[in-house]
Amino acid sequence: MADVNVTVLGADATLADVQNAAQTMPFFLERKLIVVRNWLSAQAAPRRKKGETGTIQKLVDFLPDLSEATALVFCEDATLPETHPLIEGAEKLHGRVKRYDVPANVGRWLIERAQSKGGSLDARAAEALAARINKGNRNDRDHFDEDARLYMLKLDNELDKLVGYAGSRAISVSDVESLVGEEEAPDIFKIVDALAHRRAAEAYTATRGLIARGEHPLVVLTSIANHTRRLIQAKDNERLSETAFAQLIGAHPFVAKRALTEARGFEMVELERAHLAVADIDAAIKSGRIDDIAGLDLLIATLCAG
């Protein structure tokens, strides 16, 4: 019954879609879950007539009547401003806000996180673990926020492995060195380049290589989604100069140049179809309909057969 009581909506959903999903009663269970991804940040309101109620305000007005049988979760990759109506009014709306940022002291967080998992590690082991995972480049404005979140996810995954390995004893520096490989920056470009040229075997090999180095399959999927989204933006703005496009999307000029170049090799309908395929696989994985690695394999087969 869990499958039919989980609904995942994306940034292209309408307010009516969100409201209809939230108002539908659960099927043979006490509660249902609605997950809405990157929808709030997509509502950068166009000009509207004076006195007209915007989409976000309509949502805020709708939420007090939300049934207790519905858990409505908005997940945003971008950081919303503190003045956002849902953040300011979360408590009054009987909701809560959770931010996932890299803590100031990663070592202390690792020690506390290990304890919450039933394990323990000292400061030296925590420092060794924090240093072995790629944290991302702070100068890469287009990726750093996302990389920082993925950094925390990967640390958490490595802790699970280390706690299970160490058992009742404390995790040591040698445990970290033995079980956690020093991570190189993921070369997602190899994967997306292979997908762009429909080289399925190459894309499959590159994906398996990232996973073998400890990359989470959902991290790879997110990177592919970000790339297809950027190519759609590039196709839609292909008359802009590289500098103007970089400023438009807030990306490094190298990233903007690469996206504009790649986008010329596709029709918009192809890019949209690819992005929808990524969204479908993402929903299938997160709702439990397919295993994450099998989902990636299916996505590669779908994109390379187009």
C-alpha atoms as a PDB file:
ATOM      1  CA  MET A   1       0.000   0.000   0.000  1.00  0.00           C
ATOM      2  CA  ALA A   2       2.977   2.346   0.462  1.00  0.00           C
ATOM      3  CA  ASP A   3       3.428   2.644  -3.288  1.00  0.00           C
ATOM      4  CA  VAL A   4      -0.052   3.979  -3.968  1.00  0.00           C
ATOM      5  CA  ASN A   5       0.116   6.388  -1.033  1.00  0.00           C
ATOM      6  CA  VAL A   6       3.240   8.238  -2.229  1.00  0.00           C
ATOM      7  CA  THR A   7       2.975  10.963  -4.873  1.00  0.00           C
ATOM      8  CA  VAL A   8       6.006  12.794  -6.284  1.00  0.00           C
ATOM      9  CA  LEU A   9       5.521  16.073  -8.160  1.00  0.00           C
ATOM     10  CA  GLY A  10       8.126  18.203  -9.913  1.00  0.00           C
ATOM     11  CA  ALA A  11       8.773  21.875 -10.620  1.00  0.00           C
ATOM     12  CA  ASP A  12       6.397  21.809 -13.600  1.00  0.00           C
ATOM     13  CA  ALA A  13       3.367  20.872 -11.469  1.00  0.00           C
ATOM     14  CA  THR A  14       0.560  23.399 -11.164  1.00  0.00           C
ATOM     15  CA  LEU A  15      -0.886  24.610  -7.883  1.00  0.00           C
ATOM     16  CA  ALA A  16      -4.003  22.609  -8.730  1.00  0.00           C
ATOM     17  CA  ASP A  17      -1.849  19.468  -9.077  1.00  0.00           C
ATOM     18  CA  VAL A  18      -0.410  20.031  -5.585  1.00  0.00           C
ATOM     19  CA  GLN A  19      -3.834  20.757  -4.075  1.00  0.00           C
ATOM     20  CA  ASN A  20      -5.527  17.783  -5.733  1.00  0.00           C
ATOM     21  CA  ALA A  21      -2.781  15.405  -4.599  1.00  0.00           C
ATOM     22  CA  ALA A  22      -2.937  16.780  -1.049  1.00  0.00           C
ATOM     23  CA  GLN A  23      -6.732  16.526  -0.852  1.00  0.00           C
ATOM     24  CA  THR A  24      -6.890  12.912  -2.018  1.00  0.00           C
ATOM     25  CA  MET A  25      -7.455  10.627   0.943  1.00  0.00           C
ATOM     26  CA  PRO A  26      -4.962   7.798   1.632  1.00  0.00           C
ATOM     27  CA  PHE A  27      -5.772   4.345   0.267  1.00  0.00           C
ATOM     28  CA  PHE A  28      -6.154   1.740   3.042  1.00  0.00           C
ATOM     29  CA  LEU A  29      -3.589   3.514   5.251  1.00  0.00           C
ATOM     30  CA  GLU A  30      -3.837   6.245   7.856  1.00  0.00           C
ATOM     31  CA  ARG A  31      -1.578   8.708   6.034  1.00  0.00           C
ATOM     32  CA  LYS A  32      -0.211   9.511   2.592  1.00  0.00           C
ATOM     33  CA  LEU A  33       2.973  11.318   1.497  1.00  0.00           C
ATOM     34  CA  ILE A  34       3.168  14.059  -1.142  1.00  0.00           C
ATOM     35  CA  VAL A  35       6.711  15.084  -2.154  1.00  0.00           C
ATOM     36  CA  VAL A  36       7.025  18.246  -4.265  1.00  0.00           C
ATOM     37  CA  ARG A  37      10.542  18.837  -5.625  1.00  0.00           C
ATOM     38  CA  ASN A  38      11.962  22.266  -6.564  1.00  0.00           C
ATOM     39  CA  TRP A  39       8.455  23.653  -6.999  1.00  0.00           C
ATOM     40  CA  LEU A  40       8.708  26.608  -4.616  1.00  0.00           C
ATOM     41  CA  SER A  41      11.806  28.073  -6.269  1.00  0.00           C
ATOM     42  CA  ALA A  42      10.163  27.608  -9.679  1.00  0.00           C
ATOM     43  CA  GLN A  43       7.380  29.997  -8.679  1.00  0.00           C
ATOM     44  CA  ALA A  44       9.459  33.121  -9.361  1.00  0.00           C
ATOM     45  CA  ALA A  45       6.287  35.068 -10.002  1.00  0.00           C
ATOM     46  CA  PRO A  46       5.793  36.795 -13.348  1.00  0.00           C
ATOM     47  CA  ARG A  47       4.259  40.279 -13.362  1.00  0.00           C
ATOM     48  CA  ARG A  48       0.719  40.214 -12.075  1.00  0.00           C
ATOM     49  CA  LYS A  49      -2.025  42.776 -11.801  1.00  0.00           C
ATOM     50  CA  LYS A  50      -2.326  44.838  -8.646  1.00  0.00           C
ATOM     51  CA  GLY A  51      -4.384  43.024  -6.027  1.00  0.00           C
ATOM     52  CA  GLU A  52      -3.970  39.630  -7.682  1.00  0.00           C
ATOM     53  CA  THR A  53      -3.012  36.800  -5.316  1.00  0.00           C
ATOM     54  CA  GLY A  54       0.210  35.014  -6.284  1.00  0.00           C
ATOM     55  CA  THR A  55       0.675  31.220  -6.453  1.00  0.00           C
ATOM     56  CA  ILE A  56       2.687  31.000  -3.216  1.00  0.00           C
ATOM     57  CA  GLN A  57       0.124  33.031  -1.286  1.00  0.00           C
ATOM     58  CA  LYS A  58      -2.654  30.814  -2.637  1.00  0.00           C
ATOM     59  CA  LEU A  59      -0.688  27.820  -1.351  1.00  0.00           C
ATOM     60  CA  VAL A  60      -0.242  29.456   2.060  1.00  0.00           C
ATOM     61  CA  ASP A  61      -3.994  30.147   2.201  1.00  0.00           C
ATOM     62  CA  PHE A  62      -4.700  26.498   1.307  1.00  0.00           C
ATOM     63  CA  LEU A  63      -2.415  24.840   3.880  1.00  0.00           C
ATOM     64  CA  PRO A  64      -4.402  25.498   7.094  1.00  0.00           C
ATOM     65  CA  ASP A  65      -7.161  23.247   5.725  1.00  0.00           C
ATOM     66  CA  LEU A  66      -4.753  20.415   4.897  1.00  0.00           C
ATOM     67  CA  SER A  67      -5.951  17.069   6.237  1.00  0.00           C
ATOM     68  CA  GLU A  68      -3.906  15.465   9.022  1.00  0.00           C
ATOM     69  CA  ALA A  69      -3.915  12.344   6.862  1.00  0.00           C
ATOM     70  CA  THR A  70      -1.557  14.075   4.396  1.00  0.00           C
ATOM     71  CA  ALA A  71       2.163  14.687   4.885  1.00  0.00           C
ATOM     72  CA  LEU A  72       3.127  17.399   2.381  1.00  0.00           C
ATOM     73  CA  VAL A  73       6.885  17.818   1.881  1.00  0.00           C
ATOM     74  CA  PHE A  74       8.531  20.482  -0.275  1.00  0.00           C
ATOM     75  CA  CYS A  75      12.152  19.626  -1.177  1.00  0.00           C
ATOM     76  CA  GLU A  76      14.311  22.370  -2.674  1.00  0.00           C
ATOM     77  CA  ASP A  77      17.841  22.083  -4.053  1.00  0.00           C
ATOM     78  CA  ALA A  78      18.177  25.867  -3.876  1.00  0.00           C
ATOM     79  CA  THR A  79      18.234  27.749  -0.570  1.00  0.00           C
ATOM     80  CA  LEU A  80      15.051  29.758  -0.078  1.00  0.00           C
ATOM     81  CA  PRO A  81      15.266  33.198   1.569  1.00  0.00           C
ATOM     82  CA  GLU A  82      14.307  33.499   5.226  1.00  0.00           C
ATOM     83  CA  THR A  83      11.532  35.887   4.134  1.00  0.00           C
ATOM     84  CA  HIS A  84       9.836  33.213   2.019  1.00  0.00           C
ATOM     85  CA  PRO A  85       6.176  32.961   3.181  1.00  0.00           C
ATOM     86  CA  LEU A  86       6.437  29.215   3.873  1.00  0.00           C
ATOM     87  CA  ILE A  87       9.599  29.613   5.944  1.00  0.00           C
ATOM     88  CA  GLU A  88       8.303  32.617   7.892  1.00  0.00           C
ATOM     89  CA  GLY A  89       4.933  31.003   8.486  1.00  0.00           C
ATOM     90  CA  ALA A  90       5.960  27.356   8.911  1.00  0.00           C
ATOM     91  CA  GLU A  91       5.205  27.191  12.641  1.00  0.00           C
ATOM     92  CA  LYS A  92       1.769  28.750  12.262  1.00  0.00           C
ATOM     93  CA  LEU A  93       1.038  26.308   9.467  1.00  0.00           C
ATOM     94  CA  HIS A  94       1.994  23.389  11.764  1.00  0.00           C
ATOM     95  CA  GLY A  95       5.026  22.652   9.598  1.00  0.00           C
ATOM     96  CA  ARG A  96       8.773  22.797  10.075  1.00  0.00           C
ATOM     97  CA  VAL A  97      11.810  23.779   8.038  1.00  0.00           C
ATOM     98  CA  LYS A  98      14.940  21.638   7.814  1.00  0.00           C
ATOM     99  CA  ARG A  99      18.126  22.965   6.212  1.00  0.00           C
ATOM    100  CA  TYR A 100      20.914  20.645   5.124  1.00  0.00           C
ATOM    101  CA  ASP A 101      24.160  22.629   5.273  1.00  0.00           C
ATOM    102  CA  VAL A 102      27.743  21.595   5.898  1.00  0.00           C
ATOM    103  CA  PRO A 103      28.326  22.165   9.655  1.00  0.00           C
ATOM    104  CA  ALA A 104      31.104  24.508  10.754  1.00  0.00           C
ATOM    105  CA  ASN A 105      32.847  21.605  12.511  1.00  0.00           C
ATOM    106  CA  VAL A 106      32.482  18.514  10.309  1.00  0.00           C
ATOM    107  CA  GLY A 107      34.612  16.384  12.668  1.00  0.00           C
ATOM    108  CA  ARG A 108      32.309  17.029  15.627  1.00  0.00           C
ATOM    109  CA  TRP A 109      29.269  16.309  13.452  1.00  0.00           C
ATOM    110  CA  LEU A 110      30.796  12.974  12.406  1.00  0.00           C
ATOM    111  CA  ILE A 111      31.459  12.009  16.035  1.00  0.00           C
ATOM    112  CA  GLU A 112      27.879  12.844  17.056  1.00  0.00           C
ATOM    113  CA  ARG A 113      26.448  11.175  13.952  1.00  0.00           C
ATOM    114  CA  ALA A 114      28.412   7.994  14.627  1.00  0.00           C
ATOM    115  CA  GLN A 115      27.010   7.914  18.175  1.00  0.00           C
ATOM    116  CA  SER A 116      23.468   8.229  16.814  1.00  0.00           C
ATOM    117  CA  LYS A 117      24.167   5.135  14.691  1.00  0.00           C
ATOM    118  CA  GLY A 118      25.409   3.142  17.698  1.00  0.00           C
ATOM    119  CA  GLY A 119      29.115   3.545  16.923  1.00  0.00           C
ATOM    120  CA  SER A 120      31.999   5.759  17.978  1.00  0.00           C
ATOM    121  CA  LEU A 121      35.100   7.369  16.489  1.00  0.00           C
ATOM    122  CA  ASP A 122      37.673   9.756  17.859  1.00  0.00           C
ATOM    123  CA  ALA A 123      38.672  13.171  16.512  1.00  0.00           C
ATOM    124  CA  ARG A 124      41.594  11.780  14.449  1.00  0.00           C
ATOM    125  CA  ALA A 125      39.403   9.226  12.697  1.00  0.00           C
ATOM    126  CA  ALA A 126      36.717  11.857  12.081  1.00  0.00           C
ATOM    127  CA  GLU A 127      39.283  14.202  10.561  1.00  0.00           C
ATOM    128  CA  ALA A 128      40.620  11.424   8.340  1.00  0.00           C
ATOM    129  CA  LEU A 129      37.116  10.592   7.079  1.00  0.00           C
ATOM    130  CA  ALA A 130      36.220  14.241   6.395  1.00  0.00           C
ATOM    131  CA  ALA A 131      39.412  14.678   4.358  1.00  0.00           C
ATOM    132  CA  ARG A 132      38.921  11.605   2.152  1.00  0.00           C
ATOM    133  CA  ILE A 133      35.649  12.774   0.588  1.00  0.00           C
ATOM    134  CA  ASN A 134      35.640  15.483  -2.081  1.00  0.00           C
ATOM    135  CA  LYS A 135      33.905  18.557  -0.633  1.00  0.00           C
ATOM    136  CA  GLY A 136      33.586  20.442  -3.921  1.00  0.00           C
ATOM    137  CA  ASN A 137      35.065  23.722  -5.110  1.00  0.00           C
ATOM    138  CA  ARG A 138      33.707  26.811  -3.353  1.00  0.00           C
ATOM    139  CA  ASN A 139      34.648  28.900  -6.407  1.00  0.00           C
ATOM    140  CA  ASP A 140      32.278  26.868  -8.582  1.00  0.00           C
ATOM    141  CA  ARG A 141      29.148  28.908  -7.935  1.00  0.00           C
ATOM    142  CA  ASP A 142      27.028  26.699 -10.152  1.00  0.00           C
ATOM    143  CA  HIS A 143      27.679  23.494  -8.204  1.00  0.00           C
ATOM    144  CA  PHE A 144      29.027  24.216  -4.733  1.00  0.00           C
ATOM    145  CA  ASP A 145      25.715  24.263  -2.812  1.00  0.00           C
ATOM    146  CA  GLU A 146      24.746  20.958  -4.399  1.00  0.00           C
ATOM    147  CA  ASP A 147      28.231  19.492  -3.876  1.00  0.00           C
ATOM    148  CA  ALA A 148      28.127  20.469  -0.198  1.00  0.00           C
ATOM    149  CA  ARG A 149      24.871  18.582   0.325  1.00  0.00           C
ATOM    150  CA  LEU A 150      26.214  15.551  -1.528  1.00  0.00           C
ATOM    151  CA  TYR A 151      29.369  15.719   0.601  1.00  0.00           C
ATOM    152  CA  MET A 152      27.258  15.283   3.750  1.00  0.00           C
ATOM    153  CA  LEU A 153      25.275  12.440   2.161  1.00  0.00           C
ATOM    154  CA  LYS A 154      28.469  10.592   1.223  1.00  0.00           C
ATOM    155  CA  LEU A 155      29.956  11.083   4.707  1.00  0.00           C
ATOM    156  CA  ASP A 156      26.785   9.620   6.199  1.00  0.00           C
ATOM    157  CA  ASN A 157      26.930   6.616   3.846  1.00  0.00           C
ATOM    158  CA  GLU A 158      30.585   5.987   4.746  1.00  0.00           C
ATOM    159  CA  LEU A 159      29.727   6.168   8.452  1.00  0.00           C
ATOM    160  CA  ASP A 160      27.112   3.441   7.992  1.00  0.00           C
ATOM    161  CA  LYS A 161      29.778   1.218   6.440  1.00  0.00           C
ATOM    162  CA  LEU A 162      32.372   1.999   9.141  1.00  0.00           C
ATOM    163  CA  VAL A 163      29.974   1.492  12.071  1.00  0.00           C
ATOM    164  CA  GLY A 164      28.922  -1.873  10.677  1.00  0.00           C
ATOM    165  CA  TYR A 165      32.539  -2.897  10.166  1.00  0.00           C
ATOM    166  CA  ALA A 166      33.846  -1.806  13.586  1.00  0.00           C
ATOM    167  CA  GLY A 167      30.974  -3.296  15.552  1.00  0.00           C
ATOM    168  CA  SER A 168      31.328  -2.667  19.296  1.00  0.00           C
ATOM    169  CA  ARG A 169      34.806  -1.127  19.121  1.00  0.00           C
ATOM    170  CA  ALA A 170      35.675   2.457  18.194  1.00  0.00           C
ATOM    171  CA  ILE A 171      36.331   3.291  14.527  1.00  0.00           C
ATOM    172  CA  SER A 172      40.049   3.907  14.014  1.00  0.00           C
ATOM    173  CA  VAL A 173      42.055   5.902  11.484  1.00  0.00           C
ATOM    174  CA  SER A 174      43.233   2.615   9.957  1.00  0.00           C
ATOM    175  CA  ASP A 175      39.584   1.577   9.486  1.00  0.00           C
ATOM    176  CA  VAL A 176      38.940   4.793   7.588  1.00  0.00           C
ATOM    177  CA  GLU A 177      42.057   4.336   5.450  1.00  0.00           C
ATOM    178  CA  SER A 178      41.153   0.716   4.687  1.00  0.00           C
ATOM    179  CA  LEU A 179      37.466   1.157   3.878  1.00  0.00           C
ATOM    180  CA  VAL A 180      37.180   4.678   2.457  1.00  0.00           C
ATOM    181  CA  GLY A 181      39.074   5.385  -0.755  1.00  0.00           C
ATOM    182  CA  GLU A 182      40.363   8.887  -1.390  1.00  0.00           C
ATOM    183  CA  GLU A 183      37.788  10.387  -3.670  1.00  0.00           C
ATOM    184  CA  GLU A 184      38.520  12.160  -6.901  1.00  0.00           C
ATOM    185  CA  ALA A 185      36.116  14.762  -8.218  1.00  0.00           C
ATOM    186  CA  PRO A 186      33.373  12.812 -10.030  1.00  0.00           C
ATOM    187  CA  ASP A 187      33.801  13.060 -13.800  1.00  0.00           C
ATOM    188  CA  ILE A 188      30.128  13.350 -14.682  1.00  0.00           C
ATOM    189  CA  PHE A 189      31.128  14.885 -18.022  1.00  0.00           C
ATOM    190  CA  LYS A 190      32.236  11.438 -19.238  1.00  0.00           C
ATOM    191  CA  ILE A 191      28.762  10.090 -18.570  1.00  0.00           C
ATOM    192  CA  VAL A 192      26.798  12.963 -20.095  1.00  0.00           C
ATOM    193  CA  ASP A 193      29.124  13.065 -23.114  1.00  0.00           C
ATOM    194  CA  ALA A 194      28.559   9.349 -23.702  1.00  0.00           C
ATOM    195  CA  LEU A 195      24.795   9.819 -23.310  1.00  0.00           C
ATOM    196  CA  ALA A 196      24.839  12.788 -25.695  1.00  0.00           C
ATOM    197  CA  HIS A 197      26.425  10.602 -28.391  1.00  0.00           C
ATOM    198  CA  ARG A 198      24.286   7.570 -27.476  1.00  0.00           C
ATOM    199  CA  ARG A 199      27.303   5.451 -26.527  1.00  0.00           C
ATOM    200  CA  ALA A 200      25.510   3.180 -24.080  1.00  0.00           C
ATOM    201  CA  ALA A 201      28.471   0.912 -23.216  1.00  0.00           C
ATOM    202  CA  GLU A 202      30.690   3.900 -22.431  1.00  0.00           C
ATOM    203  CA  ALA A 203      28.001   5.563 -20.304  1.00  0.00           C
ATOM    204  CA  TYR A 204      27.386   2.295 -18.471  1.00  0.00           C
ATOM    205  CA  THR A 205      31.123   1.809 -17.763  1.00  0.00           C
ATOM    206  CA  ALA A 206      31.593   5.408 -16.543  1.00  0.00           C
ATOM    207  CA  THR A 207      28.540   5.142 -14.283  1.00  0.00           C
ATOM    208  CA  ARG A 208      29.699   1.856 -12.791  1.00  0.00           C
ATOM    209  CA  GLY A 209      33.125   3.424 -12.218  1.00  0.00           C
ATOM    210  CA  LEU A 210      31.643   6.273 -10.183  1.00  0.00           C
ATOM    211  CA  ILE A 211      29.521   3.889  -8.124  1.00  0.00           C
ATOM    212  CA  ALA A 212      32.533   1.634  -7.508  1.00  0.00           C
ATOM    213  CA  ARG A 213      34.408   4.663  -6.135  1.00  0.00           C
ATOM    214  CA  GLY A 214      31.606   5.161  -3.591  1.00  0.00           C
ATOM    215  CA  GLU A 215      29.342   7.590  -5.476  1.00  0.00           C
ATOM    216  CA  HIS A 216      25.684   7.143  -4.572  1.00  0.00           C
ATOM    217  CA  PRO A 217      23.476   6.268  -7.591  1.00  0.00           C
ATOM    218  CA  LEU A 218      21.117   9.135  -6.754  1.00  0.00           C
ATOM    219  CA  VAL A 219      24.074  11.522  -6.865  1.00  0.00           C
ATOM    220  CA  VAL A 220      24.807  10.377 -10.424  1.00  0.00           C
ATOM    221  CA  LEU A 221      21.125  10.739 -11.332  1.00  0.00           C
ATOM    222  CA  THR A 222      21.018  14.263  -9.898  1.00  0.00           C
ATOM    223  CA  SER A 223      24.082  15.233 -11.928  1.00  0.00           C
ATOM    224  CA  ILE A 224      22.448  13.943 -15.120  1.00  0.00           C
ATOM    225  CA  ALA A 225      19.249  15.831 -14.276  1.00  0.00           C
ATOM    226  CA  ASN A 226      21.175  19.057 -13.698  1.00  0.00           C
ATOM    227  CA  HIS A 227      22.942  18.639 -17.024  1.00  0.00           C
ATOM    228  CA  THR A 228      19.782  17.999 -19.055  1.00  0.00           C
ATOM    229  CA  ARG A 229      18.139  20.998 -17.361  1.00  0.00           C
ATOM    230  CA  ARG A 230      21.110  23.189 -18.289  1.00  0.00           C
ATOM    231  CA  LEU A 231      21.007  21.988 -21.901  1.00  0.00           C
ATOM    232  CA  ILE A 232      17.319  22.930 -22.094  1.00  0.00           C
ATOM    233  CA  GLN A 233      18.202  26.398 -20.783  1.00  0.00           C
ATOM    234  CA  ALA A 234      21.005  26.639 -23.341  1.00  0.00           C
ATOM    235  CA  LYS A 235      18.752  25.574 -26.216  1.00  0.00           C
ATOM    236  CA  ASP A 236      16.154  28.107 -25.141  1.00  0.00           C
ATOM    237  CA  ASN A 237      18.799  30.865 -25.053  1.00  0.00           C
ATOM    238  CA  GLU A 238      21.151  29.757 -27.831  1.00  0.00           C
ATOM    239  CA  ARG A 239      21.266  33.265 -29.347  1.00  0.00           C
ATOM    240  CA  LEU A 240      22.894  34.662 -26.204  1.00  0.00           C
ATOM    241  CA  SER A 241      26.644  35.088 -25.939  1.00  0.00           C
ATOM    242  CA  GLU A 242      28.554  32.761 -23.619  1.00  0.00           C
ATOM    243  CA  THR A 243      29.049  35.589 -21.120  1.00  0.00           C
ATOM    244  CA  ALA A 244      25.377  36.598 -21.149  1.00  0.00           C
ATOM    245  CA  PHE A 245      24.222  32.985 -20.769  1.00  0.00           C
ATOM    246  CA  ALA A 246      26.650  32.395 -17.877  1.00  0.00           C
ATOM    247  CA  GLN A 247      25.199  35.444 -16.108  1.00  0.00           C
ATOM    248  CA  LEU A 248      21.634  34.304 -16.829  1.00  0.00           C
ATOM    249  CA  ILE A 249      22.045  30.887 -15.199  1.00  0.00           C
ATOM    250  CA  GLY A 250      24.628  31.969 -12.583  1.00  0.00           C
ATOM    251  CA  ALA A 251      27.217  29.508 -13.872  1.00  0.00           C
ATOM    252  CA  HIS A 252      30.929  29.563 -14.536  1.00  0.00           C
ATOM    253  CA  PRO A 253      31.684  30.687 -18.136  1.00  0.00           C
ATOM    254  CA  PHE A 254      33.241  27.285 -18.917  1.00  0.00           C
ATOM    255  CA  VAL A 255      30.017  25.523 -17.899  1.00  0.00           C
ATOM    256  CA  ALA A 256      27.922  27.951 -19.948  1.00  0.00           C
ATOM    257  CA  LYS A 257      30.136  27.562 -23.044  1.00  0.00           C
ATOM    258  CA  ARG A 258      30.004  23.776 -22.860  1.00  0.00           C
ATOM    259  CA  ALA A 259      26.205  23.760 -22.473  1.00  0.00           C
ATOM    260  CA  LEU A 260      25.681  26.114 -25.448  1.00  0.00           C
ATOM    261  CA  THR A 261      27.979  23.983 -27.615  1.00  0.00           C
ATOM    262  CA  GLU A 262      26.315  20.686 -26.680  1.00  0.00           C
ATOM    263  CA  ALA A 263      22.781  22.063 -27.004  1.00  0.00           C
ATOM    264  CA  ARG A 264      23.344  22.864 -30.700  1.00  0.00           C
ATOM    265  CA  GLY A 265      23.451  19.133 -31.408  1.00  0.00           C
ATOM    266  CA  PHE A 266      19.902  18.528 -30.139  1.00  0.00           C
ATOM    267  CA  GLU A 267      16.351  19.523 -30.903  1.00  0.00           C
ATOM    268  CA  MET A 268      14.408  20.936 -27.946  1.00  0.00           C
ATOM    269  CA  VAL A 269      11.960  18.025 -28.058  1.00  0.00           C
ATOM    270  CA  GLU A 270      14.868  15.585 -27.595  1.00  0.00           C
ATOM    271  CA  LEU A 271      16.149  17.457 -24.541  1.00  0.00           C
ATOM    272  CA  GLU A 272      12.700  17.681 -22.979  1.00  0.00           C
ATOM    273  CA  ARG A 273      12.130  13.970 -23.583  1.00  0.00           C
ATOM    274  CA  ALA A 274      15.471  13.180 -21.924  1.00  0.00           C
ATOM    275  CA  HIS A 275      14.687  15.359 -18.906  1.00  0.00           C
ATOM    276  CA  LEU A 276      11.282  13.723 -18.471  1.00  0.00           C
ATOM    277  CA  ALA A 277      12.953  10.311 -18.619  1.00  0.00           C
ATOM    278  CA  VAL A 278      15.297  11.361 -15.797  1.00  0.00           C
ATOM    279  CA  ALA A 279      12.331  12.624 -13.750  1.00  0.00           C
ATOM    280  CA  ASP A 280      10.441   9.348 -14.292  1.00  0.00           C
ATOM    281  CA  ILE A 281      13.406   7.261 -13.121  1.00  0.00           C
ATOM    282  CA  ASP A 282      13.930   9.563 -10.125  1.00  0.00           C
ATOM    283  CA  ALA A 283      10.286   9.101  -9.085  1.00  0.00           C
ATOM    284  CA  ALA A 284      10.463   5.327  -9.636  1.00  0.00           C
ATOM    285  CA  ILE A 285      13.574   4.983  -7.449  1.00  0.00           C
ATOM    286  CA  LYS A 286      12.303   7.195  -4.631  1.00  0.00           C
ATOM    287  CA  SER A 287       8.911   5.509  -4.536  1.00  0.00           C
ATOM    288  CA  GLY A 288      10.558   2.082  -4.360  1.00  0.00           C
ATOM    289  CA  ARG A 289       9.304   0.837  -7.734  1.00  0.00           C
ATOM    290  CA  ILE A 290      12.840   0.139  -8.957  1.00  0.00           C
ATOM    291  CA  ASP A 291      16.302  -0.355  -7.465  1.00  0.00           C
ATOM    292  CA  ASP A 292      18.569   2.707  -7.788  1.00  0.00           C
ATOM    293  CA  ILE A 293      21.319   1.021  -9.834  1.00  0.00           C
ATOM    294  CA  ALA A 294      18.783  -0.759 -12.040  1.00  0.00           C
ATOM    295  CA  GLY A 295      17.095   2.608 -12.503  1.00  0.00           C
ATOM    296  CA  LEU A 296      20.338   4.150 -13.757  1.00  0.00           C
ATOM    297  CA  ASP A 297      20.849   1.254 -16.160  1.00  0.00           C
ATOM    298  CA  LEU A 298      17.306   1.692 -17.490  1.00  0.00           C
ATOM    299  CA  LEU A 299      17.852   5.428 -17.899  1.00  0.00           C
ATOM    300  CA  ILE A 300      21.052   4.869 -19.913  1.00  0.00           C
ATOM    301  CA  ALA A 301      19.249   2.362 -22.138  1.00  0.00           C
ATOM    302  CA  THR A 302      16.341   4.794 -22.645  1.00  0.00           C
ATOM    303  CA  LEU A 303      18.489   7.830 -23.463  1.00  0.00           C
ATOM    304  CA  CYS A 304      20.836   5.941 -25.766  1.00  0.00           C
ATOM    305  CA  ALA A 305      17.983   4.308 -27.705  1.00  0.00           C
ATOM    306  CA  GLY A 306      16.362   7.685 -28.558  1.00  0.00           C
END
